[in-house]
PDB file of N, CA and C in Angstrom:
ATOM      1  N   UNK A   1     -15.373  10.708   6.064  1.00  0.00           N
ATOM      2  CA  UNK A   1     -15.088  11.467   7.264  1.00  0.00           C
ATOM      3  C   UNK A   1     -16.362  11.798   8.034  1.00  0.00           C
ATOM      4  N   UNK A   2     -17.505  11.675   7.387  1.00  0.00           N
ATOM      5  CA  UNK A   2     -18.775  11.902   8.085  1.00  0.00           C
ATOM      6  C   UNK A   2     -18.927  10.893   9.227  1.00  0.00           C
ATOM      7  N   UNK A   3     -18.635   9.628   8.938  1.00  0.00           N
ATOM      8  CA  UNK A   3     -18.718   8.600   9.974  1.00  0.00           C
ATOM      9  C   UNK A   3     -17.720   8.874  11.091  1.00  0.00           C
ATOM     10  N   UNK A   4     -16.518   9.273  10.707  1.00  0.00           N
ATOM     11  CA  UNK A   4     -15.471   9.579  11.673  1.00  0.00           C
ATOM     12  C   UNK A   4     -15.927  10.698  12.613  1.00  0.00           C
ATOM     13  N   UNK A   5     -16.543  11.721  12.052  1.00  0.00           N
ATOM     14  CA  UNK A   5     -17.047  12.842  12.843  1.00  0.00           C
ATOM     15  C   UNK A   5     -18.137  12.375  13.810  1.00  0.00           C
ATOM     16  N   UNK A   6     -19.049  11.541  13.340  1.00  0.00           N
ATOM     17  CA  UNK A   6     -20.117  11.060  14.231  1.00  0.00           C
ATOM     18  C   UNK A   6     -19.539  10.192  15.344  1.00  0.00           C
ATOM     19  N   UNK A   7     -18.492   9.418  15.057  1.00  0.00           N
ATOM     20  CA  UNK A   7     -17.859   8.605  16.095  1.00  0.00           C
ATOM     21  C   UNK A   7     -17.163   9.489  17.135  1.00  0.00           C
ATOM     22  N   UNK A   8     -16.526  10.548  16.685  1.00  0.00           N
ATOM     23  CA  UNK A   8     -15.873  11.472  17.617  1.00  0.00           C
ATOM     24  C   UNK A   8     -16.906  12.070  18.571  1.00  0.00           C
ATOM     25  N   UNK A   9     -18.050  12.464  18.032  1.00  0.00           N
ATOM     26  CA  UNK A   9     -19.095  13.050  18.869  1.00  0.00           C
ATOM     27  C   UNK A   9     -19.617  12.036  19.886  1.00  0.00           C
ATOM     28  N   UNK A  10     -19.782  10.776  19.473  1.00  0.00           N
ATOM     29  CA  UNK A  10     -20.237   9.742  20.395  1.00  0.00           C
ATOM     30  C   UNK A  10     -19.215   9.488  21.499  1.00  0.00           C
ATOM     31  N   UNK A  11     -17.946   9.435  21.138  1.00  0.00           N
ATOM     32  CA  UNK A  11     -16.892   9.185  22.114  1.00  0.00           C
ATOM     33  C   UNK A  11     -16.826  10.326  23.131  1.00  0.00           C
ATOM     34  N   UNK A  12     -16.996  11.557  22.650  1.00  0.00           N
ATOM     35  CA  UNK A  12     -16.962  12.704  23.557  1.00  0.00           C
ATOM     36  C   UNK A  12     -18.083  12.617  24.588  1.00  0.00           C
ATOM     37  N   UNK A  13     -19.238  12.088  24.186  1.00  0.00           N
ATOM     38  CA  UNK A  13     -20.368  11.961  25.103  1.00  0.00           C
ATOM     39  C   UNK A  13     -20.124  10.879  26.162  1.00  0.00           C
ATOM     40  N   UNK A  14     -19.263   9.898  25.842  1.00  0.00           N
ATOM     41  CA  UNK A  14     -19.037   8.765  26.746  1.00  0.00           C
ATOM     42  C   UNK A  14     -18.084   9.088  27.888  1.00  0.00           C
ATOM     43  N   UNK A  15     -17.385  10.185  27.807  1.00  0.00           N
ATOM     44  CA  UNK A  15     -16.482  10.560  28.884  1.00  0.00           C
ATOM     45  C   UNK A  15     -15.033  10.526  28.451  1.00  0.00           C
ATOM     46  N   UNK A  16     -14.118  10.610  29.428  1.00  0.00           N
ATOM     47  CA  UNK A  16     -12.687  10.640  29.119  1.00  0.00           C
ATOM     48  C   UNK A  16     -12.244   9.389  28.361  1.00  0.00           C
ATOM     49  N   UNK A  17     -11.412   9.599  27.360  1.00  0.00           N
ATOM     50  CA  UNK A  17     -10.971   8.508  26.503  1.00  0.00           C
ATOM     51  C   UNK A  17     -10.131   7.483  27.255  1.00  0.00           C
ATOM     52  N   UNK A  18      -9.382   7.909  28.256  1.00  0.00           N
ATOM     53  CA  UNK A  18      -8.578   6.970  29.047  1.00  0.00           C
ATOM     54  C   UNK A  18      -9.472   5.927  29.700  1.00  0.00           C
ATOM     55  N   UNK A  19     -10.648   6.353  30.194  1.00  0.00           N
ATOM     56  CA  UNK A  19     -11.583   5.412  30.819  1.00  0.00           C
ATOM     57  C   UNK A  19     -12.133   4.429  29.796  1.00  0.00           C
ATOM     58  N   UNK A  20     -12.409   4.901  28.590  1.00  0.00           N
ATOM     59  CA  UNK A  20     -12.928   4.021  27.550  1.00  0.00           C
ATOM     60  C   UNK A  20     -11.889   2.992  27.127  1.00  0.00           C
ATOM     61  N   UNK A  21     -10.635   3.415  27.017  1.00  0.00           N
ATOM     62  CA  UNK A  21      -9.570   2.505  26.615  1.00  0.00           C
ATOM     63  C   UNK A  21      -9.406   1.392  27.646  1.00  0.00           C
ATOM     64  N   UNK A  22      -9.549   1.738  28.928  1.00  0.00           N
ATOM     65  CA  UNK A  22      -9.376   0.733  29.977  1.00  0.00           C
ATOM     66  C   UNK A  22     -10.472  -0.335  29.932  1.00  0.00           C
ATOM     67  N   UNK A  23     -11.606  -0.052  29.310  1.00  0.00           N
ATOM     68  CA  UNK A  23     -12.701  -1.012  29.223  1.00  0.00           C
ATOM     69  C   UNK A  23     -12.564  -1.975  28.043  1.00  0.00           C
ATOM     70  N   UNK A  24     -11.643  -1.717  27.133  1.00  0.00           N
ATOM     71  CA  UNK A  24     -11.483  -2.558  25.947  1.00  0.00           C
ATOM     72  C   UNK A  24     -10.772  -3.845  26.341  1.00  0.00           C
ATOM     73  N   UNK A  25     -11.365  -5.001  26.013  1.00  0.00           N
ATOM     74  CA  UNK A  25     -10.699  -6.265  26.321  1.00  0.00           C
ATOM     75  C   UNK A  25      -9.369  -6.359  25.577  1.00  0.00           C
ATOM     76  N   UNK A  26      -8.323  -6.808  26.287  1.00  0.00           N
ATOM     77  CA  UNK A  26      -7.012  -6.965  25.662  1.00  0.00           C
ATOM     78  C   UNK A  26      -6.223  -5.683  25.543  1.00  0.00           C
ATOM     79  N   UNK A  27      -6.716  -4.609  26.126  1.00  0.00           N
ATOM     80  CA  UNK A  27      -6.016  -3.329  26.029  1.00  0.00           C
ATOM     81  C   UNK A  27      -5.249  -3.019  27.311  1.00  0.00           C
ATOM     82  N   UNK A  28      -4.809  -4.060  28.004  1.00  0.00           N
ATOM     83  CA  UNK A  28      -4.088  -3.873  29.259  1.00  0.00           C
ATOM     84  C   UNK A  28      -2.792  -3.095  29.061  1.00  0.00           C
ATOM     85  N   UNK A  29      -2.150  -3.289  27.908  1.00  0.00           N
ATOM     86  CA  UNK A  29      -0.886  -2.593  27.649  1.00  0.00           C
ATOM     87  C   UNK A  29      -1.100  -1.134  27.263  1.00  0.00           C
ATOM     88  N   UNK A  30      -2.326  -0.698  27.147  1.00  0.00           N
ATOM     89  CA  UNK A  30      -2.615   0.696  26.795  1.00  0.00           C
ATOM     90  C   UNK A  30      -3.037   1.525  28.006  1.00  0.00           C
ATOM     91  N   UNK A  31      -2.850   0.999  29.212  1.00  0.00           N
ATOM     92  CA  UNK A  31      -3.298   1.709  30.416  1.00  0.00           C
ATOM     93  C   UNK A  31      -2.616   3.058  30.600  1.00  0.00           C
ATOM     94  N   UNK A  32      -1.361   3.150  30.206  1.00  0.00           N
ATOM     95  CA  UNK A  32      -0.618   4.389  30.416  1.00  0.00           C
ATOM     96  C   UNK A  32      -0.757   5.386  29.274  1.00  0.00           C
ATOM     97  N   UNK A  33      -1.626   5.113  28.342  1.00  0.00           N
ATOM     98  CA  UNK A  33      -1.826   6.012  27.210  1.00  0.00           C
ATOM     99  C   UNK A  33      -2.592   7.243  27.683  1.00  0.00           C
ATOM    100  N   UNK A  34      -2.037   8.404  27.414  1.00  0.00           N
ATOM    101  CA  UNK A  34      -2.699   9.661  27.758  1.00  0.00           C
ATOM    102  C   UNK A  34      -3.219  10.297  26.479  1.00  0.00           C
ATOM    103  N   UNK A  35      -4.487  10.630  26.490  1.00  0.00           N
ATOM    104  CA  UNK A  35      -5.106  11.237  25.321  1.00  0.00           C
ATOM    105  C   UNK A  35      -5.535  12.648  25.692  1.00  0.00           C
ATOM    106  N   UNK A  36      -5.072  13.603  24.916  1.00  0.00           N
ATOM    107  CA  UNK A  36      -5.407  15.001  25.173  1.00  0.00           C
ATOM    108  C   UNK A  36      -6.796  15.295  24.590  1.00  0.00           C
ATOM    109  N   UNK A  37      -7.755  15.712  25.417  1.00  0.00           N
ATOM    110  CA  UNK A  37      -9.094  16.013  24.918  1.00  0.00           C
ATOM    111  C   UNK A  37      -9.089  17.127  23.865  1.00  0.00           C
ATOM    112  N   UNK A  38      -8.055  17.982  23.906  1.00  0.00           N
ATOM    113  CA  UNK A  38      -7.968  19.060  22.921  1.00  0.00           C
ATOM    114  C   UNK A  38      -7.744  18.505  21.515  1.00  0.00           C
ATOM    115  N   UNK A  39      -7.112  17.332  21.431  1.00  0.00           N
ATOM    116  CA  UNK A  39      -6.893  16.716  20.122  1.00  0.00           C
ATOM    117  C   UNK A  39      -8.217  16.358  19.458  1.00  0.00           C
ATOM    118  N   UNK A  40      -9.161  15.866  20.253  1.00  0.00           N
ATOM    119  CA  UNK A  40     -10.473  15.522  19.686  1.00  0.00           C
ATOM    120  C   UNK A  40     -11.213  16.769  19.243  1.00  0.00           C
ATOM    121  N   UNK A  41     -11.101  17.830  20.026  1.00  0.00           N
ATOM    122  CA  UNK A  41     -11.750  19.097  19.665  1.00  0.00           C
ATOM    123  C   UNK A  41     -11.133  19.633  18.379  1.00  0.00           C
ATOM    124  N   UNK A  42      -9.799  19.557  18.289  1.00  0.00           N
ATOM    125  CA  UNK A  42      -9.086  20.030  17.098  1.00  0.00           C
ATOM    126  C   UNK A  42      -9.507  19.217  15.865  1.00  0.00           C
ATOM    127  N   UNK A  43      -9.573  17.905  16.035  1.00  0.00           N
ATOM    128  CA  UNK A  43      -9.973  17.029  14.924  1.00  0.00           C
ATOM    129  C   UNK A  43     -11.385  17.351  14.462  1.00  0.00           C
ATOM    130  N   UNK A  44     -12.279  17.536  15.416  1.00  0.00           N
ATOM    131  CA  UNK A  44     -13.659  17.879  15.081  1.00  0.00           C
ATOM    132  C   UNK A  44     -13.725  19.216  14.343  1.00  0.00           C
ATOM    133  N   UNK A  45     -12.947  20.198  14.788  1.00  0.00           N
ATOM    134  CA  UNK A  45     -12.936  21.515  14.139  1.00  0.00           C
ATOM    135  C   UNK A  45     -12.428  21.407  12.707  1.00  0.00           C
ATOM    136  N   UNK A  46     -11.409  20.595  12.497  1.00  0.00           N
ATOM    137  CA  UNK A  46     -10.868  20.431  11.140  1.00  0.00           C
ATOM    138  C   UNK A  46     -11.916  19.818  10.228  1.00  0.00           C
ATOM    139  N   UNK A  47     -12.571  18.764  10.690  1.00  0.00           N
ATOM    140  CA  UNK A  47     -13.575  18.093   9.852  1.00  0.00           C
ATOM    141  C   UNK A  47     -14.751  19.017   9.587  1.00  0.00           C
ATOM    142  N   UNK A  48     -15.175  19.774  10.598  1.00  0.00           N
ATOM    143  CA  UNK A  48     -16.301  20.696  10.406  1.00  0.00           C
ATOM    144  C   UNK A  48     -15.948  21.857   9.485  1.00  0.00           C
ATOM    145  N   UNK A  49     -14.663  22.139   9.309  1.00  0.00           N
ATOM    146  CA  UNK A  49     -14.239  23.219   8.409  1.00  0.00           C
ATOM    147  C   UNK A  49     -14.213  22.760   6.948  1.00  0.00           C
ATOM    148  N   UNK A  50     -14.411  21.478   6.727  1.00  0.00           N
ATOM    149  CA  UNK A  50     -14.450  20.957   5.357  1.00  0.00           C
ATOM    150  C   UNK A  50     -15.851  21.124   4.788  1.00  0.00           C
ATOM    151  N   UNK A  51     -15.927  21.205   3.474  1.00  0.00           N
ATOM    152  CA  UNK A  51     -17.232  21.226   2.829  1.00  0.00           C
ATOM    153  C   UNK A  51     -17.794  19.804   2.828  1.00  0.00           C
ATOM    154  N   UNK A  52     -19.059  19.696   2.535  1.00  0.00           N
ATOM    155  CA  UNK A  52     -19.711  18.389   2.484  1.00  0.00           C
ATOM    156  C   UNK A  52     -18.999  17.471   1.491  1.00  0.00           C
ATOM    157  N   UNK A  53     -18.665  18.007   0.314  1.00  0.00           N
ATOM    158  CA  UNK A  53     -17.990  17.200  -0.710  1.00  0.00           C
ATOM    159  C   UNK A  53     -16.612  16.751  -0.244  1.00  0.00           C
ATOM    160  N   UNK A  54     -15.904  17.616   0.466  1.00  0.00           N
ATOM    161  CA  UNK A  54     -14.564  17.267   0.952  1.00  0.00           C
ATOM    162  C   UNK A  54     -14.639  16.171   2.012  1.00  0.00           C
ATOM    163  N   UNK A  55     -15.670  16.235   2.841  1.00  0.00           N
ATOM    164  CA  UNK A  55     -15.830  15.189   3.857  1.00  0.00           C
ATOM    165  C   UNK A  55     -16.154  13.852   3.217  1.00  0.00           C
ATOM    166  N   UNK A  56     -16.934  13.895   2.169  1.00  0.00           N
ATOM    167  CA  UNK A  56     -17.329  12.663   1.476  1.00  0.00           C
ATOM    168  C   UNK A  56     -16.205  12.099   0.621  1.00  0.00           C
ATOM    169  N   UNK A  57     -15.322  12.978   0.125  1.00  0.00           N
ATOM    170  CA  UNK A  57     -14.240  12.545  -0.752  1.00  0.00           C
ATOM    171  C   UNK A  57     -12.954  13.295  -0.385  1.00  0.00           C
ATOM    172  N   UNK A  58     -12.214  12.794   0.619  1.00  0.00           N
ATOM    173  CA  UNK A  58     -11.002  13.487   1.066  1.00  0.00           C
ATOM    174  C   UNK A  58      -9.919  13.585  -0.009  1.00  0.00           C
ATOM    175  N   UNK A  59     -10.042  12.833  -1.092  1.00  0.00           N
ATOM    176  CA  UNK A  59      -9.068  12.919  -2.176  1.00  0.00           C
ATOM    177  C   UNK A  59      -9.109  14.282  -2.871  1.00  0.00           C
ATOM    178  N   UNK A  60     -10.171  15.041  -2.667  1.00  0.00           N
ATOM    179  CA  UNK A  60     -10.292  16.377  -3.265  1.00  0.00           C
ATOM    180  C   UNK A  60      -9.374  17.403  -2.591  1.00  0.00           C
ATOM    181  N   UNK A  61      -8.842  17.062  -1.431  1.00  0.00           N
ATOM    182  CA  UNK A  61      -8.106  18.036  -0.624  1.00  0.00           C
ATOM    183  C   UNK A  61      -6.718  18.317  -1.188  1.00  0.00           C
ATOM    184  N   UNK A  62      -6.639  19.383  -1.981  1.00  0.00           N
ATOM    185  CA  UNK A  62      -5.340  19.835  -2.491  1.00  0.00           C
ATOM    186  C   UNK A  62      -4.771  20.882  -1.540  1.00  0.00           C
ATOM    187  N   UNK A  63      -3.666  21.473  -1.892  1.00  0.00           N
ATOM    188  CA  UNK A  63      -2.979  22.408  -1.006  1.00  0.00           C
ATOM    189  C   UNK A  63      -3.806  23.614  -0.609  1.00  0.00           C
ATOM    190  N   UNK A  64      -4.503  24.223  -1.571  1.00  0.00           N
ATOM    191  CA  UNK A  64      -5.271  25.425  -1.246  1.00  0.00           C
ATOM    192  C   UNK A  64      -6.479  25.086  -0.363  1.00  0.00           C
ATOM    193  N   UNK A  65      -7.091  23.930  -0.579  1.00  0.00           N
ATOM    194  CA  UNK A  65      -8.215  23.524   0.268  1.00  0.00           C
ATOM    195  C   UNK A  65      -7.743  23.239   1.688  1.00  0.00           C
ATOM    196  N   UNK A  66      -6.578  22.589   1.802  1.00  0.00           N
ATOM    197  CA  UNK A  66      -6.030  22.294   3.128  1.00  0.00           C
ATOM    198  C   UNK A  66      -5.711  23.589   3.872  1.00  0.00           C
ATOM    199  N   UNK A  67      -5.214  24.575   3.157  1.00  0.00           N
ATOM    200  CA  UNK A  67      -4.913  25.871   3.754  1.00  0.00           C
ATOM    201  C   UNK A  67      -6.192  26.541   4.249  1.00  0.00           C
ATOM    202  N   UNK A  68      -7.253  26.498   3.442  1.00  0.00           N
ATOM    203  CA  UNK A  68      -8.538  27.083   3.835  1.00  0.00           C
ATOM    204  C   UNK A  68      -9.107  26.371   5.058  1.00  0.00           C
ATOM    205  N   UNK A  69      -9.010  25.050   5.081  1.00  0.00           N
ATOM    206  CA  UNK A  69      -9.514  24.268   6.213  1.00  0.00           C
ATOM    207  C   UNK A  69      -8.746  24.627   7.482  1.00  0.00           C
ATOM    208  N   UNK A  70      -7.421  24.771   7.365  1.00  0.00           N
ATOM    209  CA  UNK A  70      -6.594  25.126   8.516  1.00  0.00           C
ATOM    210  C   UNK A  70      -6.993  26.499   9.058  1.00  0.00           C
ATOM    211  N   UNK A  71      -7.197  27.457   8.168  1.00  0.00           N
ATOM    212  CA  UNK A  71      -7.610  28.793   8.624  1.00  0.00           C
ATOM    213  C   UNK A  71      -8.981  28.730   9.279  1.00  0.00           C
ATOM    214  N   UNK A  72      -9.892  27.981   8.694  1.00  0.00           N
ATOM    215  CA  UNK A  72     -11.255  27.887   9.222  1.00  0.00           C
ATOM    216  C   UNK A  72     -11.342  27.168  10.556  1.00  0.00           C
ATOM    217  N   UNK A  73     -10.406  26.258  10.802  1.00  0.00           N
ATOM    218  CA  UNK A  73     -10.457  25.486  12.045  1.00  0.00           C
ATOM    219  C   UNK A  73      -9.529  26.036  13.114  1.00  0.00           C
ATOM    220  N   UNK A  74      -8.759  27.064  12.767  1.00  0.00           N
ATOM    221  CA  UNK A  74      -7.833  27.646  13.734  1.00  0.00           C
ATOM    222  C   UNK A  74      -6.640  26.749  14.013  1.00  0.00           C
ATOM    223  N   UNK A  75      -6.286  25.918  13.040  1.00  0.00           N
ATOM    224  CA  UNK A  75      -5.149  25.011  13.186  1.00  0.00           C
ATOM    225  C   UNK A  75      -4.135  25.302  12.086  1.00  0.00           C
ATOM    226  N   UNK A  76      -3.135  24.458  11.987  1.00  0.00           N
ATOM    227  CA  UNK A  76      -2.126  24.616  10.942  1.00  0.00           C
ATOM    228  C   UNK A  76      -2.373  23.618   9.817  1.00  0.00           C
ATOM    229  N   UNK A  77      -1.738  23.868   8.694  1.00  0.00           N
ATOM    230  CA  UNK A  77      -1.841  22.941   7.566  1.00  0.00           C
ATOM    231  C   UNK A  77      -1.261  21.588   7.971  1.00  0.00           C
ATOM    232  N   UNK A  78      -0.222  21.601   8.818  1.00  0.00           N
ATOM    233  CA  UNK A  78       0.372  20.352   9.286  1.00  0.00           C
ATOM    234  C   UNK A  78      -0.637  19.529  10.082  1.00  0.00           C
ATOM    235  N   UNK A  79      -1.472  20.195  10.886  1.00  0.00           N
ATOM    236  CA  UNK A  79      -2.519  19.482  11.631  1.00  0.00           C
ATOM    237  C   UNK A  79      -3.517  18.835  10.684  1.00  0.00           C
ATOM    238  N   UNK A  80      -3.886  19.559   9.640  1.00  0.00           N
ATOM    239  CA  UNK A  80      -4.820  19.020   8.641  1.00  0.00           C
ATOM    240  C   UNK A  80      -4.181  17.830   7.937  1.00  0.00           C
ATOM    241  N   UNK A  81      -2.923  17.971   7.539  1.00  0.00           N
ATOM    242  CA  UNK A  81      -2.220  16.871   6.871  1.00  0.00           C
ATOM    243  C   UNK A  81      -2.126  15.650   7.774  1.00  0.00           C
ATOM    244  N   UNK A  82      -1.845  15.884   9.052  1.00  0.00           N
ATOM    245  CA  UNK A  82      -1.734  14.781  10.022  1.00  0.00           C
ATOM    246  C   UNK A  82      -3.067  14.045  10.135  1.00  0.00           C
ATOM    247  N   UNK A  83      -4.172  14.789  10.197  1.00  0.00           N
ATOM    248  CA  UNK A  83      -5.489  14.168  10.292  1.00  0.00           C
ATOM    249  C   UNK A  83      -5.786  13.331   9.051  1.00  0.00           C
ATOM    250  N   UNK A  84      -5.479  13.866   7.897  1.00  0.00           N
ATOM    251  CA  UNK A  84      -5.748  13.137   6.648  1.00  0.00           C
ATOM    252  C   UNK A  84      -4.911  11.858   6.592  1.00  0.00           C
ATOM    253  N   UNK A  85      -3.659  11.951   7.026  1.00  0.00           N
ATOM    254  CA  UNK A  85      -2.787  10.780   7.036  1.00  0.00           C
ATOM    255  C   UNK A  85      -3.316   9.727   8.015  1.00  0.00           C
ATOM    256  N   UNK A  86      -3.717  10.152   9.199  1.00  0.00           N
ATOM    257  CA  UNK A  86      -4.267   9.222  10.181  1.00  0.00           C
ATOM    258  C   UNK A  86      -5.554   8.586   9.680  1.00  0.00           C
ATOM    259  N   UNK A  87      -6.374   9.383   9.007  1.00  0.00           N
ATOM    260  CA  UNK A  87      -7.625   8.864   8.460  1.00  0.00           C
ATOM    261  C   UNK A  87      -7.343   7.797   7.405  1.00  0.00           C
ATOM    262  N   UNK A  88      -6.365   8.046   6.529  1.00  0.00           N
ATOM    263  CA  UNK A  88      -6.004   7.062   5.504  1.00  0.00           C
ATOM    264  C   UNK A  88      -5.474   5.775   6.137  1.00  0.00           C
ATOM    265  N   UNK A  89      -4.652   5.910   7.181  1.00  0.00           N
ATOM    266  CA  UNK A  89      -4.131   4.733   7.869  1.00  0.00           C
ATOM    267  C   UNK A  89      -5.258   3.941   8.526  1.00  0.00           C
ATOM    268  N   UNK A  90      -6.194   4.634   9.130  1.00  0.00           N
ATOM    269  CA  UNK A  90      -7.335   3.981   9.766  1.00  0.00           C
ATOM    270  C   UNK A  90      -8.185   3.257   8.724  1.00  0.00           C
ATOM    271  N   UNK A  91      -8.366   3.882   7.582  1.00  0.00           N
ATOM    272  CA  UNK A  91      -9.149   3.279   6.507  1.00  0.00           C
ATOM    273  C   UNK A  91      -8.499   1.981   6.032  1.00  0.00           C
ATOM    274  N   UNK A  92      -7.167   1.997   5.870  1.00  0.00           N
ATOM    275  CA  UNK A  92      -6.446   0.794   5.447  1.00  0.00           C
ATOM    276  C   UNK A  92      -6.557  -0.303   6.501  1.00  0.00           C
ATOM    277  N   UNK A  93      -6.445   0.069   7.784  1.00  0.00           N
ATOM    278  CA  UNK A  93      -6.541  -0.910   8.853  1.00  0.00           C
ATOM    279  C   UNK A  93      -7.939  -1.537   8.886  1.00  0.00           C
ATOM    280  N   UNK A  94      -8.965  -0.731   8.688  1.00  0.00           N
ATOM    281  CA  UNK A  94     -10.333  -1.253   8.692  1.00  0.00           C
ATOM    282  C   UNK A  94     -10.560  -2.227   7.532  1.00  0.00           C
ATOM    283  N   UNK A  95      -9.939  -1.963   6.398  1.00  0.00           N
ATOM    284  CA  UNK A  95     -10.046  -2.887   5.272  1.00  0.00           C
ATOM    285  C   UNK A  95      -9.426  -4.227   5.623  1.00  0.00           C
ATOM    286  N   UNK A  96      -8.259  -4.184   6.290  1.00  0.00           N
ATOM    287  CA  UNK A  96      -7.598  -5.421   6.706  1.00  0.00           C
ATOM    288  C   UNK A  96      -8.443  -6.178   7.710  1.00  0.00           C
ATOM    289  N   UNK A  97      -9.008  -5.462   8.661  1.00  0.00           N
ATOM    290  CA  UNK A  97      -9.831  -6.101   9.688  1.00  0.00           C
ATOM    291  C   UNK A  97     -11.074  -6.725   9.053  1.00  0.00           C
ATOM    292  N   UNK A  98     -11.601  -6.090   8.023  1.00  0.00           N
ATOM    293  CA  UNK A  98     -12.770  -6.623   7.332  1.00  0.00           C
ATOM    294  C   UNK A  98     -12.496  -7.946   6.632  1.00  0.00           C
ATOM    295  N   UNK A  99     -11.231  -8.220   6.348  1.00  0.00           N
ATOM    296  CA  UNK A  99     -10.857  -9.459   5.656  1.00  0.00           C
ATOM    297  C   UNK A  99     -10.564 -10.604   6.619  1.00  0.00           C
ATOM    298  N   UNK A 100     -10.604 -10.360   7.922  1.00  0.00           N
ATOM    299  CA  UNK A 100     -10.286 -11.383   8.915  1.00  0.00           C
ATOM    300  C   UNK A 100     -11.385 -12.441   8.938  1.00  0.00           C
ATOM    301  N   UNK A 101     -10.942 -13.693   8.820  1.00  0.00           N
ATOM    302  CA  UNK A 101     -11.901 -14.797   8.844  1.00  0.00           C
ATOM    303  C   UNK A 101     -11.643 -15.744  10.003  1.00  0.00           C
ATOM    304  N   UNK A 102     -10.431 -15.690  10.586  1.00  0.00           N
ATOM    305  CA  UNK A 102     -10.118 -16.613  11.667  1.00  0.00           C
ATOM    306  C   UNK A 102      -9.081 -15.997  12.597  1.00  0.00           C
ATOM    307  N   UNK A 103      -8.849 -16.679  13.724  1.00  0.00           N
ATOM    308  CA  UNK A 103      -7.820 -16.228  14.655  1.00  0.00           C
ATOM    309  C   UNK A 103      -6.436 -16.314  14.031  1.00  0.00           C
ATOM    310  N   UNK A 104      -6.273 -17.242  13.108  1.00  0.00           N
ATOM    311  CA  UNK A 104      -4.985 -17.376  12.417  1.00  0.00           C
ATOM    312  C   UNK A 104      -4.691 -16.109  11.614  1.00  0.00           C
ATOM    313  N   UNK A 105      -5.708 -15.549  10.998  1.00  0.00           N
ATOM    314  CA  UNK A 105      -5.538 -14.299  10.259  1.00  0.00           C
ATOM    315  C   UNK A 105      -5.096 -13.172  11.196  1.00  0.00           C
ATOM    316  N   UNK A 106      -5.683 -13.141  12.415  1.00  0.00           N
ATOM    317  CA  UNK A 106      -5.294 -12.136  13.392  1.00  0.00           C
ATOM    318  C   UNK A 106      -3.825 -12.276  13.766  1.00  0.00           C
ATOM    319  N   UNK A 107      -3.416 -13.522  13.976  1.00  0.00           N
ATOM    320  CA  UNK A 107      -2.021 -13.775  14.341  1.00  0.00           C
ATOM    321  C   UNK A 107      -1.092 -13.336  13.229  1.00  0.00           C
ATOM    322  N   UNK A 108      -1.450 -13.616  11.989  1.00  0.00           N
ATOM    323  CA  UNK A 108      -0.623 -13.240  10.846  1.00  0.00           C
ATOM    324  C   UNK A 108      -0.518 -11.727  10.686  1.00  0.00           C
ATOM    325  N   UNK A 109      -1.547 -11.006  11.147  1.00  0.00           N
ATOM    326  CA  UNK A 109      -1.518  -9.537  11.071  1.00  0.00           C
ATOM    327  C   UNK A 109      -0.737  -8.940  12.230  1.00  0.00           C
ATOM    328  N   UNK A 110      -0.365  -9.776  13.204  1.00  0.00           N
ATOM    329  CA  UNK A 110       0.379  -9.264  14.348  1.00  0.00           C
ATOM    330  C   UNK A 110      -0.518  -8.778  15.466  1.00  0.00           C
ATOM    331  N   UNK A 111      -1.790  -9.152  15.413  1.00  0.00           N
ATOM    332  CA  UNK A 111      -2.729  -8.762  16.462  1.00  0.00           C
ATOM    333  C   UNK A 111      -2.893  -9.951  17.398  1.00  0.00           C
ATOM    334  N   UNK A 112      -2.389  -9.808  18.599  1.00  0.00           N
ATOM    335  CA  UNK A 112      -2.470 -10.900  19.565  1.00  0.00           C
ATOM    336  C   UNK A 112      -3.592 -10.658  20.553  1.00  0.00           C
ATOM    337  N   UNK A 113      -4.300 -11.701  20.879  1.00  0.00           N
ATOM    338  CA  UNK A 113      -5.357 -11.607  21.886  1.00  0.00           C
ATOM    339  C   UNK A 113      -4.768 -11.966  23.231  1.00  0.00           C
ATOM    340  N   UNK A 114      -5.058 -11.176  24.230  1.00  0.00           N
ATOM    341  CA  UNK A 114      -4.507 -11.423  25.568  1.00  0.00           C
ATOM    342  C   UNK A 114      -5.555 -11.956  26.489  1.00  0.00           C
TER     343      UNK A 114
END
């Protein structure tokens, strides 16, 4: 999550996320995506409310730790759970992308280039 936090900070410096999405090649179908800047602030607050060990190893996050993080970040436990779930999904997707060797692999994953 340390890397995730540093990426969030970099993205915030680059400006509105809608503008960044429009610059991505092949992201023409994402033009109407609206991203709430408060979501990034909330995500950053949740990650900053974690201890160093929790950021390095999210598997440590049990119910009482999630509750403490939610109180510390001014969010709900559901928000913390949602972030952890999204982080796990992103991690799995990055592993799949790391295994791509050809355009055929992209097609098999359902990722089409436009």
